[in-house]
Amino acid sequence: MSDSFLVRGGAALSGSIAIGGAKNAALKLMVASLLSPGRHEIENVPNILDVEIMGRVLEHVGAAVTRTGTTLTIDVPEIPVPEAPLDLVRQMRASILVLGALLTRTGEARVALPGGDDFGSRPINFHVAGLEAMGATFDLKHGVLHGSAPDGLVGTEVFLEFPSVGATENILLAAVLAEGVTTIGNAAREPELVDLAEYLIAMGAKIDGVGTSTIEIHGVDALTPTTHRTVSDRLEAGTYLVAGAMTAGTVTVTDCRPEHLRMELRKLESTGCTIAVTESTITVTGPERPLPVDIATLPYPGFHTDMHPQLVTLLSIAGGTSLVTENIYAGRFRYLGELNRMGAEIHADGQHVVIRGVDGLSGCEVDACDIRAGAALTIAAMRAEGETLIRDAEHVDRGYDGWVPKLQSLGADIQRV
């Protein structure tokens, strides 16, 4: 049997939480270490299940991964094994990034098609097309993608149909050791991508334009190991801020980058929250009842799709009707039925979610179907009357380090059972 979270609602959260390193950055930094033999150190790495799984992927490739506190030490061999096994890759989508790294480092790669959260169809055609443009060939058999580039990859111009974060990262990882110049057009601009590029530059890569829609990479002959500190997790910060707002409490997040949450903070302010920002802290005080707001998820710097479930939860008790449009993942709505079981009135129509705010929620048993859904249901439970049991806690463990003790430190009545 899997663990659950037992929450008793009614307490307004109050206090301060230090934000750790970003899951969506740390996993990519771990993959990037494969580009150079030797000892790498990655600091500020969250102690979460996805990092553990990625560590096992790297160990299968031949690296040795050890943790001391929040620092990972990764010893990479001269010749990695060009393979990521099915049983690990199917647990986490970020593992597809070993494709570009292994291809450019060894000339071949065997990677099972990735798993992770079930948000509907999430094809990797942008990844494959970009790497094919650089000279790789691919063959898919029995769910395993075989990539080959025996003569190495060659820089070229790659224009993405959509600013996919994963495809941009995969092409970037491949291009740093490719021959010549690679240009990525319509590139993703996410802070975690910028963090990956900064790590690669510290290793000796030549990259220009990161954080804009056009990235230019001049391939180099070799990279060298380095030490890098992972950027703070904007999604962890945003989640705790929404938890404070949901309970009409006051929560401060520290060690964060407020500029990475501009759109999310703007929408929180529109719900009636009071927000105070310094260079590295954000404080949110929630209203007794939120105001309705319309939101559309978009690539950065737009509203992050991974903050969608948390905001829908907050809007479920708003004094009016809100509309949330999901433009990134078509299958992101499985958690809505669980919220409705708690008394919410939410209806999905295609990519749109119509939320009619209710006066209150009531506790019951619900299922966490993915990382952010589990977090959102926990937030709902803290406002609900009575007890709520959120099953399948392991989903939340994939993305949040110390979820229960951190919430307890803010005054939440929550325990792991």
Protein backbone atom coordinates (compact mmCIF):
# COMPACT_ATOMS: atom_id res chain seq x y z
CA MET A 1 0.00 0.00 0.00
CA SER A 2 1.23 3.49 -0.78
CA ASP A 3 1.39 6.33 1.74
CA SER A 4 -1.29 9.00 2.07
CA PHE A 5 -1.56 12.51 3.51
CA LEU A 6 -4.15 13.06 6.24
CA VAL A 7 -5.18 16.72 6.50
CA ARG A 8 -7.53 18.42 8.94
CA GLY A 9 -8.70 21.72 7.50
CA GLY A 10 -9.30 25.07 9.14
CA ALA A 11 -5.86 26.43 10.06
CA ALA A 12 -4.58 29.61 8.41
CA LEU A 13 -0.95 29.09 7.40
CA SER A 14 1.62 31.49 8.76
CA GLY A 15 5.40 31.59 8.64
CA SER A 16 8.40 31.32 6.37
CA ILE A 17 9.72 28.55 4.11
CA ALA A 18 13.18 28.38 2.49
CA ILE A 19 12.92 27.25 -1.14
CA GLY A 20 15.27 24.55 -2.41
CA GLY A 21 16.76 23.80 -5.80
CA ALA A 22 14.47 23.32 -8.78
CA LYS A 23 13.53 19.76 -9.68
CA ASN A 24 13.23 20.77 -13.34
CA ALA A 25 16.77 22.14 -13.31
CA ALA A 26 18.55 19.57 -11.14
CA LEU A 27 17.52 16.63 -13.34
CA LYS A 28 18.90 18.34 -16.47
CA LEU A 29 22.14 19.31 -14.71
CA MET A 30 22.63 15.66 -13.74
CA VAL A 31 22.30 14.63 -17.40
CA ALA A 32 24.68 17.39 -18.50
CA SER A 33 27.40 15.93 -16.29
CA LEU A 34 27.59 12.99 -18.74
CA LEU A 35 29.16 15.34 -21.30
CA SER A 36 32.53 15.31 -19.53
CA PRO A 37 34.47 12.55 -17.75
CA GLY A 38 35.58 13.34 -14.23
CA ARG A 39 34.03 14.56 -10.96
CA HIS A 40 31.13 17.04 -11.04
CA GLU A 41 29.45 18.70 -8.07
CA ILE A 42 25.88 19.98 -8.23
CA GLU A 43 24.73 21.93 -5.18
CA ASN A 44 21.24 22.77 -3.89
CA VAL A 45 19.70 19.55 -5.23
CA PRO A 46 16.30 18.60 -3.74
CA ASN A 47 16.04 15.23 -2.00
CA ILE A 48 13.10 13.93 -4.06
CA LEU A 49 12.17 10.72 -5.81
CA ASP A 50 12.83 12.00 -9.35
CA VAL A 51 16.41 12.90 -8.44
CA GLU A 52 16.87 9.41 -7.01
CA ILE A 53 15.54 7.85 -10.22
CA MET A 54 17.79 10.03 -12.39
CA GLY A 55 20.73 9.02 -10.21
CA ARG A 56 19.95 5.39 -10.98
CA VAL A 57 19.81 6.21 -14.71
CA LEU A 58 23.28 7.77 -14.49
CA GLU A 59 24.60 4.78 -12.54
CA HIS A 60 23.31 2.46 -15.27
CA VAL A 61 25.25 4.57 -17.78
CA GLY A 62 28.37 4.04 -15.66
CA ALA A 63 28.54 7.10 -13.42
CA ALA A 64 28.83 7.03 -9.62
CA VAL A 65 26.38 9.32 -7.81
CA THR A 66 26.67 10.21 -4.12
CA ARG A 67 24.76 12.73 -2.00
CA THR A 68 26.11 14.79 0.89
CA GLY A 69 23.36 17.02 2.25
CA THR A 70 22.03 18.94 -0.75
CA THR A 71 25.14 18.34 -2.89
CA LEU A 72 25.44 15.60 -5.49
CA THR A 73 28.87 14.37 -6.55
CA ILE A 74 28.83 12.65 -9.94
CA ASP A 75 31.87 10.74 -11.18
CA VAL A 76 31.52 10.19 -14.93
CA PRO A 77 33.54 7.50 -16.75
CA GLU A 78 35.65 8.04 -19.87
CA ILE A 79 33.21 5.98 -21.94
CA PRO A 80 29.59 5.92 -20.71
CA VAL A 81 27.27 3.03 -21.53
CA PRO A 82 24.99 4.49 -24.26
CA GLU A 83 21.76 3.13 -22.80
CA ALA A 84 18.97 4.18 -20.44
CA PRO A 85 16.85 1.22 -19.28
CA LEU A 86 13.10 0.92 -19.71
CA ASP A 87 12.22 0.35 -16.05
CA LEU A 88 13.78 3.71 -15.06
CA VAL A 89 12.96 5.87 -18.07
CA ARG A 90 9.27 5.02 -17.99
CA GLN A 91 9.07 6.53 -14.49
CA MET A 92 10.27 10.00 -15.45
CA ARG A 93 10.02 12.07 -18.62
CA ALA A 94 13.22 14.07 -18.02
CA SER A 95 15.25 10.94 -18.70
CA ILE A 96 14.73 11.46 -22.46
CA LEU A 97 17.46 14.12 -22.24
CA VAL A 98 20.13 11.44 -22.04
CA LEU A 99 19.39 10.94 -25.75
CA GLY A 100 21.18 14.11 -26.90
CA ALA A 101 23.93 13.82 -24.29
CA LEU A 102 24.82 10.20 -25.13
CA LEU A 103 24.60 10.76 -28.90
CA THR A 104 27.05 13.65 -28.87
CA ARG A 105 29.34 11.95 -26.34
CA THR A 106 29.43 8.36 -27.65
CA GLY A 107 27.89 8.44 -31.13
CA GLU A 108 24.95 6.25 -30.14
CA ALA A 109 22.09 6.03 -27.67
CA ARG A 110 19.40 3.52 -26.70
CA VAL A 111 16.63 5.14 -24.73
CA ALA A 112 13.19 3.80 -23.88
CA LEU A 113 10.29 6.15 -24.60
CA PRO A 114 9.75 8.21 -21.43
CA GLY A 115 7.04 8.10 -18.80
CA GLY A 116 6.34 10.49 -15.91
CA ASP A 117 3.09 12.28 -15.20
CA ASP A 118 0.18 11.27 -17.41
CA PHE A 119 -0.90 14.47 -19.15
CA GLY A 120 -2.05 12.82 -22.36
CA SER A 121 0.04 12.70 -25.53
CA ARG A 122 3.49 14.26 -25.07
CA PRO A 123 5.40 13.27 -28.21
CA ILE A 124 9.17 13.61 -28.58
CA ASN A 125 9.05 14.35 -32.30
CA PHE A 126 10.62 17.81 -31.79
CA HIS A 127 13.57 16.17 -29.99
CA VAL A 128 14.08 13.60 -32.73
CA ALA A 129 13.66 16.04 -35.63
CA GLY A 130 16.25 18.41 -34.16
CA LEU A 131 18.79 15.66 -33.62
CA GLU A 132 18.12 14.24 -37.11
CA ALA A 133 18.88 17.67 -38.56
CA MET A 134 22.28 17.41 -36.85
CA GLY A 135 22.99 14.08 -38.56
CA ALA A 136 21.59 11.45 -36.20
CA THR A 137 19.49 8.54 -37.43
CA PHE A 138 16.81 6.79 -35.37
CA ASP A 139 15.04 3.46 -35.27
CA LEU A 140 12.18 2.62 -32.89
CA LYS A 141 11.81 -1.04 -31.90
CA HIS A 142 9.88 -2.56 -29.01
CA GLY A 143 9.45 0.84 -27.31
CA VAL A 144 13.18 1.63 -27.41
CA LEU A 145 14.56 4.46 -29.52
CA HIS A 146 17.94 3.61 -31.08
CA GLY A 147 19.94 6.68 -32.09
CA SER A 148 23.15 6.62 -34.09
CA ALA A 149 25.70 9.25 -35.09
CA PRO A 150 28.95 7.30 -35.63
CA ASP A 151 30.68 10.23 -37.33
CA GLY A 152 29.51 12.72 -34.73
CA LEU A 153 26.85 15.42 -34.88
CA VAL A 154 27.15 18.51 -37.06
CA GLY A 155 25.81 21.94 -36.19
CA THR A 156 22.86 23.25 -38.16
CA GLU A 157 19.83 25.53 -37.87
CA VAL A 158 16.92 24.01 -35.97
CA PHE A 159 13.60 25.85 -35.81
CA LEU A 160 11.12 24.43 -33.32
CA GLU A 161 7.42 24.46 -34.22
CA PHE A 162 6.70 25.02 -30.52
CA PRO A 163 9.10 26.36 -27.84
CA SER A 164 9.41 22.95 -26.17
CA VAL A 165 11.63 23.03 -23.09
CA GLY A 166 12.69 19.39 -23.41
CA ALA A 167 13.48 19.64 -27.13
CA THR A 168 15.48 22.84 -26.62
CA GLU A 169 17.45 21.18 -23.82
CA ASN A 170 18.09 17.98 -25.78
CA ILE A 171 19.38 19.89 -28.81
CA LEU A 172 21.45 22.17 -26.58
CA LEU A 173 23.08 19.18 -24.86
CA ALA A 174 23.86 17.61 -28.23
CA ALA A 175 25.15 20.82 -29.82
CA VAL A 176 27.80 21.76 -27.27
CA LEU A 177 30.09 18.95 -28.49
CA ALA A 178 28.91 18.93 -32.13
CA GLU A 179 31.05 20.15 -35.00
CA GLY A 180 30.33 23.75 -36.06
CA VAL A 181 27.50 26.08 -35.11
CA THR A 182 23.96 25.13 -34.11
CA THR A 183 21.17 27.71 -33.98
CA ILE A 184 17.90 26.92 -32.18
CA GLY A 185 15.02 29.12 -33.32
CA ASN A 186 11.79 29.53 -31.35
CA ALA A 187 13.71 28.17 -28.36
CA ALA A 188 12.26 27.83 -24.88
CA ARG A 189 13.19 30.59 -22.41
CA GLU A 190 12.52 28.96 -19.03
CA PRO A 191 14.78 29.81 -16.05
CA GLU A 192 15.69 26.13 -15.65
CA LEU A 193 16.97 26.09 -19.25
CA VAL A 194 19.06 29.19 -18.51
CA ASP A 195 20.46 27.40 -15.45
CA LEU A 196 21.44 24.41 -17.60
CA ALA A 197 23.20 26.69 -20.08
CA GLU A 198 25.10 28.44 -17.29
CA TYR A 199 26.32 25.06 -16.07
CA LEU A 200 27.43 24.09 -19.59
CA ILE A 201 29.20 27.44 -20.05
CA ALA A 202 31.06 26.88 -16.76
CA MET A 203 32.14 23.51 -18.21
CA GLY A 204 33.57 25.29 -21.26
CA ALA A 205 30.66 25.39 -23.72
CA LYS A 206 30.17 28.38 -26.01
CA ILE A 207 26.51 29.43 -25.90
CA ASP A 208 24.87 32.76 -26.74
CA GLY A 209 21.27 33.97 -26.56
CA VAL A 210 19.96 31.75 -23.74
CA GLY A 211 16.83 33.30 -22.27
CA THR A 212 15.82 34.59 -25.71
CA SER A 213 14.00 32.80 -28.52
CA THR A 214 17.23 32.25 -30.50
CA ILE A 215 20.15 30.29 -29.05
CA GLU A 216 23.50 29.92 -30.83
CA ILE A 217 25.93 27.17 -29.83
CA HIS A 218 29.50 26.89 -31.09
CA GLY A 219 30.62 23.31 -30.64
CA VAL A 220 33.82 22.64 -28.70
CA ASP A 221 36.12 19.60 -28.64
CA ALA A 222 35.72 18.82 -24.95
CA LEU A 223 34.19 20.01 -21.68
CA THR A 224 35.60 19.84 -18.15
CA PRO A 225 33.85 19.09 -14.83
CA THR A 226 32.82 21.98 -12.58
CA THR A 227 30.73 22.88 -9.52
CA HIS A 228 27.33 24.50 -9.96
CA ARG A 229 24.48 25.61 -7.68
CA THR A 230 20.97 24.71 -8.86
CA VAL A 231 18.56 27.62 -9.38
CA SER A 232 15.73 27.88 -6.85
CA ASP A 233 12.43 26.11 -7.55
CA ARG A 234 9.83 28.64 -8.68
CA LEU A 235 7.12 25.96 -8.63
CA GLU A 236 7.83 25.04 -5.02
CA ALA A 237 7.73 28.74 -4.14
CA GLY A 238 4.48 29.27 -6.03
CA THR A 239 2.84 26.25 -4.43
CA TYR A 240 3.50 27.42 -0.85
CA LEU A 241 2.31 30.92 -1.73
CA VAL A 242 -0.98 29.51 -3.05
CA ALA A 243 -1.30 27.41 0.11
CA GLY A 244 -1.05 30.58 2.18
CA ALA A 245 -3.59 32.34 -0.03
CA MET A 246 -6.00 29.37 0.11
CA THR A 247 -6.10 29.46 3.91
CA ALA A 248 -6.33 33.28 4.14
CA GLY A 249 -2.94 33.14 5.84
CA THR A 250 0.40 34.90 5.42
CA VAL A 251 3.32 32.91 3.99
CA THR A 252 6.82 34.09 3.09
CA VAL A 253 9.10 32.11 0.78
CA THR A 254 12.83 32.84 0.96
CA ASP A 255 15.86 31.94 -1.17
CA CYS A 256 13.79 32.37 -4.31
CA ARG A 257 13.83 34.42 -7.52
CA PRO A 258 10.65 36.57 -7.64
CA GLU A 259 11.30 37.55 -11.26
CA HIS A 260 10.71 33.93 -12.25
CA LEU A 261 7.09 34.14 -11.02
CA ARG A 262 6.00 37.45 -12.52
CA MET A 263 2.84 36.19 -14.21
CA GLU A 264 1.88 33.87 -11.35
CA LEU A 265 2.23 36.70 -8.81
CA ARG A 266 0.20 39.01 -11.03
CA LYS A 267 -2.65 36.50 -11.10
CA LEU A 268 -2.46 35.94 -7.34
CA GLU A 269 -2.70 39.68 -6.84
CA SER A 270 -5.77 39.74 -9.07
CA THR A 271 -7.48 37.25 -6.74
CA GLY A 272 -7.18 39.79 -3.91
CA CYS A 273 -3.89 38.64 -2.39
CA THR A 274 -1.50 41.19 -0.91
CA ILE A 275 2.02 40.58 -2.18
CA ALA A 276 5.36 41.97 -0.96
CA VAL A 277 8.60 41.21 -2.81
CA THR A 278 12.29 41.70 -2.06
CA GLU A 279 15.30 40.54 -4.07
CA SER A 280 15.01 36.98 -2.75
CA THR A 281 11.70 36.74 -0.84
CA ILE A 282 7.98 36.83 -1.57
CA THR A 283 5.24 37.29 1.03
CA VAL A 284 1.60 36.59 0.22
CA THR A 285 -1.40 37.32 2.44
CA GLY A 286 -4.60 35.72 1.23
CA PRO A 287 -8.07 37.29 1.30
CA GLU A 288 -10.96 35.77 3.23
CA ARG A 289 -12.40 34.80 -0.13
CA PRO A 290 -10.56 35.09 -3.47
CA LEU A 291 -11.83 37.07 -6.44
CA PRO A 292 -12.46 35.20 -9.73
CA VAL A 293 -9.71 35.43 -12.34
CA ASP A 294 -9.18 34.15 -15.90
CA ILE A 295 -5.87 32.41 -16.65
CA ALA A 296 -4.22 30.89 -19.73
CA THR A 297 -1.13 28.68 -19.42
CA LEU A 298 1.68 29.56 -21.84
CA PRO A 299 5.43 28.96 -22.24
CA TYR A 300 7.66 31.18 -20.07
CA PRO A 301 7.31 34.05 -19.31
CA GLY A 302 3.61 33.15 -19.40
CA PHE A 303 1.68 31.40 -16.64
CA HIS A 304 3.29 28.01 -15.90
CA THR A 305 1.21 24.92 -16.62
CA ASP A 306 2.60 23.33 -13.44
CA MET A 307 0.88 26.06 -11.40
CA HIS A 308 -2.47 25.40 -13.10
CA PRO A 309 -3.90 22.87 -10.55
CA GLN A 310 -2.92 25.00 -7.56
CA LEU A 311 -4.62 28.11 -8.97
CA VAL A 312 -7.73 26.16 -9.96
CA THR A 313 -7.94 24.99 -6.36
CA LEU A 314 -7.72 28.57 -5.07
CA LEU A 315 -10.37 29.71 -7.57
CA SER A 316 -12.69 26.89 -6.52
CA ILE A 317 -13.67 29.00 -3.48
CA ALA A 318 -13.68 32.37 -5.30
CA GLY A 319 -16.70 34.65 -5.20
CA GLY A 320 -17.63 34.17 -8.83
CA THR A 321 -16.79 32.25 -12.01
CA SER A 322 -13.26 31.85 -13.38
CA LEU A 323 -11.95 30.43 -16.67
CA VAL A 324 -8.62 28.61 -16.97
CA THR A 325 -7.33 27.71 -20.44
CA GLU A 326 -4.71 24.96 -20.65
CA ASN A 327 -2.51 25.49 -23.72
CA ILE A 328 0.35 23.11 -22.89
CA TYR A 329 -0.94 19.67 -21.81
CA ALA A 330 -4.27 18.42 -23.12
CA GLY A 331 -4.65 15.74 -20.44
CA ARG A 332 -4.08 17.86 -17.36
CA PHE A 333 -7.63 17.61 -15.98
CA ARG A 334 -7.78 14.25 -14.18
CA TYR A 335 -7.62 15.93 -10.77
CA LEU A 336 -10.80 17.95 -11.38
CA GLY A 337 -13.06 15.05 -10.46
CA GLU A 338 -11.25 14.75 -7.12
CA LEU A 339 -11.78 18.44 -6.37
CA ASN A 340 -15.45 18.12 -7.30
CA ARG A 341 -15.75 15.26 -4.79
CA MET A 342 -14.73 17.82 -2.17
CA GLY A 343 -17.60 20.07 -3.20
CA ALA A 344 -16.04 22.18 -5.96
CA GLU A 345 -18.05 23.03 -9.07
CA ILE A 346 -15.61 22.69 -11.96
CA HIS A 347 -16.32 21.69 -15.54
CA ALA A 348 -13.82 20.98 -18.30
CA ASP A 349 -14.73 21.76 -21.90
CA GLY A 350 -11.91 20.92 -24.29
CA GLN A 351 -8.87 22.90 -23.17
CA HIS A 352 -10.99 25.19 -20.97
CA VAL A 353 -11.88 24.79 -17.29
CA VAL A 354 -14.88 26.68 -15.94
CA ILE A 355 -14.73 27.15 -12.16
CA ARG A 356 -17.83 28.33 -10.30
CA GLY A 357 -16.65 29.35 -6.87
CA VAL A 358 -18.35 27.68 -3.91
CA ASP A 359 -18.69 28.84 -0.31
CA GLY A 360 -16.62 25.98 1.07
CA LEU A 361 -15.12 22.54 0.53
CA SER A 362 -15.54 19.39 2.61
CA GLY A 363 -13.02 16.69 3.36
CA CYS A 364 -13.16 13.20 1.85
CA GLU A 365 -10.84 10.57 0.33
CA VAL A 366 -9.18 11.65 -2.93
CA ASP A 367 -6.43 10.37 -5.23
CA ALA A 368 -3.30 12.29 -6.26
CA CYS A 369 -2.80 11.49 -9.95
CA ASP A 370 0.41 13.49 -10.50
CA ILE A 371 2.85 15.78 -8.69
CA ARG A 372 0.99 19.09 -8.95
CA ALA A 373 -2.45 17.49 -8.59
CA GLY A 374 -1.33 15.96 -5.29
CA ALA A 375 -0.07 19.34 -4.11
CA ALA A 376 -3.30 21.04 -5.20
CA LEU A 377 -5.49 18.52 -3.38
CA THR A 378 -3.42 19.01 -0.22
CA ILE A 379 -3.97 22.76 -0.52
CA ALA A 380 -7.72 22.20 -0.97
CA ALA A 381 -7.79 19.98 2.11
CA MET A 382 -6.30 22.74 4.27
CA ARG A 383 -9.34 24.92 3.51
CA ALA A 384 -11.90 22.10 3.64
CA GLU A 385 -14.15 21.27 6.56
CA GLY A 386 -13.18 18.06 8.34
CA GLU A 387 -10.57 15.49 7.33
CA THR A 388 -9.21 14.73 3.86
CA LEU A 389 -7.14 11.68 2.95
CA ILE A 390 -4.98 12.21 -0.14
CA ARG A 391 -3.84 8.84 -1.44
CA ASP A 392 -0.77 8.04 -3.59
CA ALA A 393 1.58 10.40 -1.76
CA GLU A 394 4.51 9.14 -3.85
CA HIS A 395 3.45 11.45 -6.68
CA VAL A 396 4.06 14.49 -4.47
CA ASP A 397 7.36 12.95 -3.31
CA ARG A 398 8.58 13.17 -6.91
CA GLY A 399 8.50 16.96 -6.85
CA TYR A 400 8.49 18.34 -3.28
CA ASP A 401 11.28 17.88 -0.73
CA GLY A 402 9.94 17.78 2.83
CA TRP A 403 6.32 18.47 1.86
CA VAL A 404 4.75 17.42 5.17
CA PRO A 405 7.27 18.94 7.63
CA LYS A 406 7.37 22.22 5.71
CA LEU A 407 3.59 22.52 5.79
CA GLN A 408 3.57 21.57 9.47
CA SER A 409 6.07 24.36 10.15
CA LEU A 410 3.51 26.79 8.70
CA GLY A 411 0.79 25.49 11.02
CA ALA A 412 -0.95 22.97 8.75
CA ASP A 413 -2.59 19.99 10.47
CA ILE A 414 -1.13 17.33 8.16
CA GLN A 415 0.54 13.97 8.65
CA ARG A 416 1.80 11.14 6.52
CA VAL A 417 -0.04 7.87 7.08
